[in-house]
Amino acid sequence: MRTLLAVLFAAPMLGGCVSAVKTVVTAPVKAVGKVADWTTTSQDESDRNRGRAMREREERLGKLSRQRDKAAERCRSGNEDQCERAEVLDHEIEAVMAQPI
């Protein structure tokens, strides 16, 4: 009987211990979850990064096209160096287009 009373009186005091044990036991699981979140890329992040890469590629292609058009115009005006530059820019545009996004 005394043992039963001792257990009943000790139960409220053990509540804090159970909470502490629960915190200690679940901490590694929570830490692993945080690390997994930090190291993996979500689909939303992946889509955002792909969109950014596509915009950067389009900007690069636009800049190269404008440079090529100016060089081609100067080539038609008789500037031989600009003819070569237009050809080089054509190859550079093809190389950018061939790169995967």
C-alpha atoms as a PDB file:
ATOM      1  CA  MET A   1       0.000   0.000   0.000  1.00  0.00           C
ATOM      2  CA  ARG A   2       2.807   2.377   0.859  1.00  0.00           C
ATOM      3  CA  THR A   3       4.434   1.697  -2.494  1.00  0.00           C
ATOM      4  CA  LEU A   4       1.224   2.571  -4.291  1.00  0.00           C
ATOM      5  CA  LEU A   5       0.922   5.833  -2.375  1.00  0.00           C
ATOM      6  CA  ALA A   6       4.563   6.674  -3.094  1.00  0.00           C
ATOM      7  CA  VAL A   7       4.021   6.098  -6.812  1.00  0.00           C
ATOM      8  CA  LEU A   8       0.859   8.228  -6.806  1.00  0.00           C
ATOM      9  CA  PHE A   9       2.621  11.087  -5.032  1.00  0.00           C
ATOM     10  CA  ALA A  10       5.696  10.808  -7.287  1.00  0.00           C
ATOM     11  CA  ALA A  11       3.710  10.787 -10.552  1.00  0.00           C
ATOM     12  CA  PRO A  12       3.117  14.572 -10.701  1.00  0.00           C
ATOM     13  CA  MET A  13       6.800  15.190 -10.063  1.00  0.00           C
ATOM     14  CA  LEU A  14       7.781  12.861 -12.904  1.00  0.00           C
ATOM     15  CA  GLY A  15       5.745  14.890 -15.398  1.00  0.00           C
ATOM     16  CA  GLY A  16       8.643  17.299 -15.851  1.00  0.00           C
ATOM     17  CA  CYS A  17      11.050  14.412 -16.334  1.00  0.00           C
ATOM     18  CA  VAL A  18       8.865  12.864 -19.015  1.00  0.00           C
ATOM     19  CA  SER A  19       8.699  16.212 -20.813  1.00  0.00           C
ATOM     20  CA  ALA A  20      12.481  16.588 -20.641  1.00  0.00           C
ATOM     21  CA  VAL A  21      13.012  13.045 -21.895  1.00  0.00           C
ATOM     22  CA  LYS A  22      10.587  13.686 -24.765  1.00  0.00           C
ATOM     23  CA  THR A  23      12.486  16.857 -25.709  1.00  0.00           C
ATOM     24  CA  VAL A  24      15.837  15.071 -25.626  1.00  0.00           C
ATOM     25  CA  VAL A  25      14.543  12.136 -27.659  1.00  0.00           C
ATOM     26  CA  THR A  26      12.856  14.243 -30.370  1.00  0.00           C
ATOM     27  CA  ALA A  27      15.664  16.821 -30.731  1.00  0.00           C
ATOM     28  CA  PRO A  28      17.835  14.701 -33.084  1.00  0.00           C
ATOM     29  CA  VAL A  29      14.834  13.942 -35.290  1.00  0.00           C
ATOM     30  CA  LYS A  30      13.970  17.630 -35.555  1.00  0.00           C
ATOM     31  CA  ALA A  31      17.618  18.507 -36.265  1.00  0.00           C
ATOM     32  CA  VAL A  32      17.791  15.958 -39.088  1.00  0.00           C
ATOM     33  CA  GLY A  33      14.578  17.382 -40.538  1.00  0.00           C
ATOM     34  CA  LYS A  34      16.034  20.903 -40.532  1.00  0.00           C
ATOM     35  CA  VAL A  35      19.222  19.735 -42.233  1.00  0.00           C
ATOM     36  CA  ALA A  36      17.181  17.899 -44.865  1.00  0.00           C
ATOM     37  CA  ASP A  37      15.188  21.087 -45.529  1.00  0.00           C
ATOM     38  CA  TRP A  38      18.381  23.130 -45.881  1.00  0.00           C
ATOM     39  CA  THR A  39      20.116  20.672 -48.196  1.00  0.00           C
ATOM     40  CA  THR A  40      17.269  19.800 -50.549  1.00  0.00           C
ATOM     41  CA  THR A  41      15.637  22.009 -53.137  1.00  0.00           C
ATOM     42  CA  SER A  42      11.867  22.159 -53.235  1.00  0.00           C
ATOM     43  CA  GLN A  43       9.978  22.049 -56.503  1.00  0.00           C
ATOM     44  CA  ASP A  44       9.062  25.719 -56.077  1.00  0.00           C
ATOM     45  CA  GLU A  45      12.724  26.690 -55.636  1.00  0.00           C
ATOM     46  CA  SER A  46      13.675  24.544 -58.618  1.00  0.00           C
ATOM     47  CA  ASP A  47      11.033  26.222 -60.797  1.00  0.00           C
ATOM     48  CA  ARG A  48      12.153  29.666 -59.651  1.00  0.00           C
ATOM     49  CA  ASN A  49      15.804  28.873 -60.419  1.00  0.00           C
ATOM     50  CA  ARG A  50      14.905  27.484 -63.850  1.00  0.00           C
ATOM     51  CA  GLY A  51      12.872  30.592 -64.660  1.00  0.00           C
ATOM     52  CA  ARG A  52      15.769  32.805 -63.611  1.00  0.00           C
ATOM     53  CA  ALA A  53      18.176  30.803 -65.789  1.00  0.00           C
ATOM     54  CA  MET A  54      15.819  31.082 -68.766  1.00  0.00           C
ATOM     55  CA  ARG A  55      15.481  34.870 -68.334  1.00  0.00           C
ATOM     56  CA  GLU A  56      19.270  35.247 -68.084  1.00  0.00           C
ATOM     57  CA  ARG A  57      19.692  33.150 -71.235  1.00  0.00           C
ATOM     58  CA  GLU A  58      17.123  35.244 -73.121  1.00  0.00           C
ATOM     59  CA  GLU A  59      18.854  38.450 -72.001  1.00  0.00           C
ATOM     60  CA  ARG A  60      22.200  37.091 -73.185  1.00  0.00           C
ATOM     61  CA  LEU A  61      20.752  36.051 -76.538  1.00  0.00           C
ATOM     62  CA  GLY A  62      19.087  39.443 -76.964  1.00  0.00           C
ATOM     63  CA  LYS A  63      22.339  41.264 -76.277  1.00  0.00           C
ATOM     64  CA  LEU A  64      24.270  39.046 -78.700  1.00  0.00           C
ATOM     65  CA  SER A  65      21.596  39.480 -81.386  1.00  0.00           C
ATOM     66  CA  ARG A  66      21.719  43.268 -81.083  1.00  0.00           C
ATOM     67  CA  GLN A  67      25.518  43.212 -81.317  1.00  0.00           C
ATOM     68  CA  ARG A  68      25.352  40.913 -84.344  1.00  0.00           C
ATOM     69  CA  ASP A  69      22.786  43.151 -86.057  1.00  0.00           C
ATOM     70  CA  LYS A  70      24.966  46.229 -85.523  1.00  0.00           C
ATOM     71  CA  ALA A  71      28.027  44.380 -86.803  1.00  0.00           C
ATOM     72  CA  ALA A  72      26.079  43.131 -89.852  1.00  0.00           C
ATOM     73  CA  GLU A  73      24.898  46.681 -90.615  1.00  0.00           C
ATOM     74  CA  ARG A  74      28.481  47.954 -90.423  1.00  0.00           C
ATOM     75  CA  CYS A  75      29.589  45.017 -92.574  1.00  0.00           C
ATOM     76  CA  ARG A  76      27.101  46.048 -95.275  1.00  0.00           C
ATOM     77  CA  SER A  77      28.613  49.543 -95.053  1.00  0.00           C
ATOM     78  CA  GLY A  78      31.969  48.063 -96.052  1.00  0.00           C
ATOM     79  CA  ASN A  79      33.749  47.403 -92.738  1.00  0.00           C
ATOM     80  CA  GLU A  80      35.438  44.008 -93.166  1.00  0.00           C
ATOM     81  CA  ASP A  81      36.292  43.646 -89.456  1.00  0.00           C
ATOM     82  CA  GLN A  82      32.613  43.899 -88.598  1.00  0.00           C
ATOM     83  CA  CYS A  83      31.825  41.098 -91.059  1.00  0.00           C
ATOM     84  CA  GLU A  84      34.093  38.782 -89.097  1.00  0.00           C
ATOM     85  CA  ARG A  85      32.607  40.030 -85.809  1.00  0.00           C
ATOM     86  CA  ALA A  86      29.080  39.292 -87.055  1.00  0.00           C
ATOM     87  CA  GLU A  87      30.162  35.767 -87.968  1.00  0.00           C
ATOM     88  CA  VAL A  88      31.771  35.234 -84.548  1.00  0.00           C
ATOM     89  CA  LEU A  89      28.626  36.513 -82.849  1.00  0.00           C
ATOM     90  CA  ASP A  90      26.533  34.093 -84.936  1.00  0.00           C
ATOM     91  CA  HIS A  91      28.621  31.198 -83.635  1.00  0.00           C
ATOM     92  CA  GLU A  92      28.354  32.488 -80.080  1.00  0.00           C
ATOM     93  CA  ILE A  93      24.563  32.697 -80.398  1.00  0.00           C
ATOM     94  CA  GLU A  94      24.476  29.106 -81.664  1.00  0.00           C
ATOM     95  CA  ALA A  95      26.630  27.995 -78.723  1.00  0.00           C
ATOM     96  CA  VAL A  96      24.326  29.690 -76.202  1.00  0.00           C
ATOM     97  CA  MET A  97      21.287  28.132 -77.870  1.00  0.00           C
ATOM     98  CA  ALA A  98      22.894  24.665 -77.688  1.00  0.00           C
ATOM     99  CA  GLN A  99      23.552  24.912 -73.944  1.00  0.00           C
ATOM    100  CA  PRO A 100      21.015  23.147 -71.751  1.00  0.00           C
ATOM    101  CA  ILE A 101      19.012  25.309 -69.373  1.00  0.00           C
END
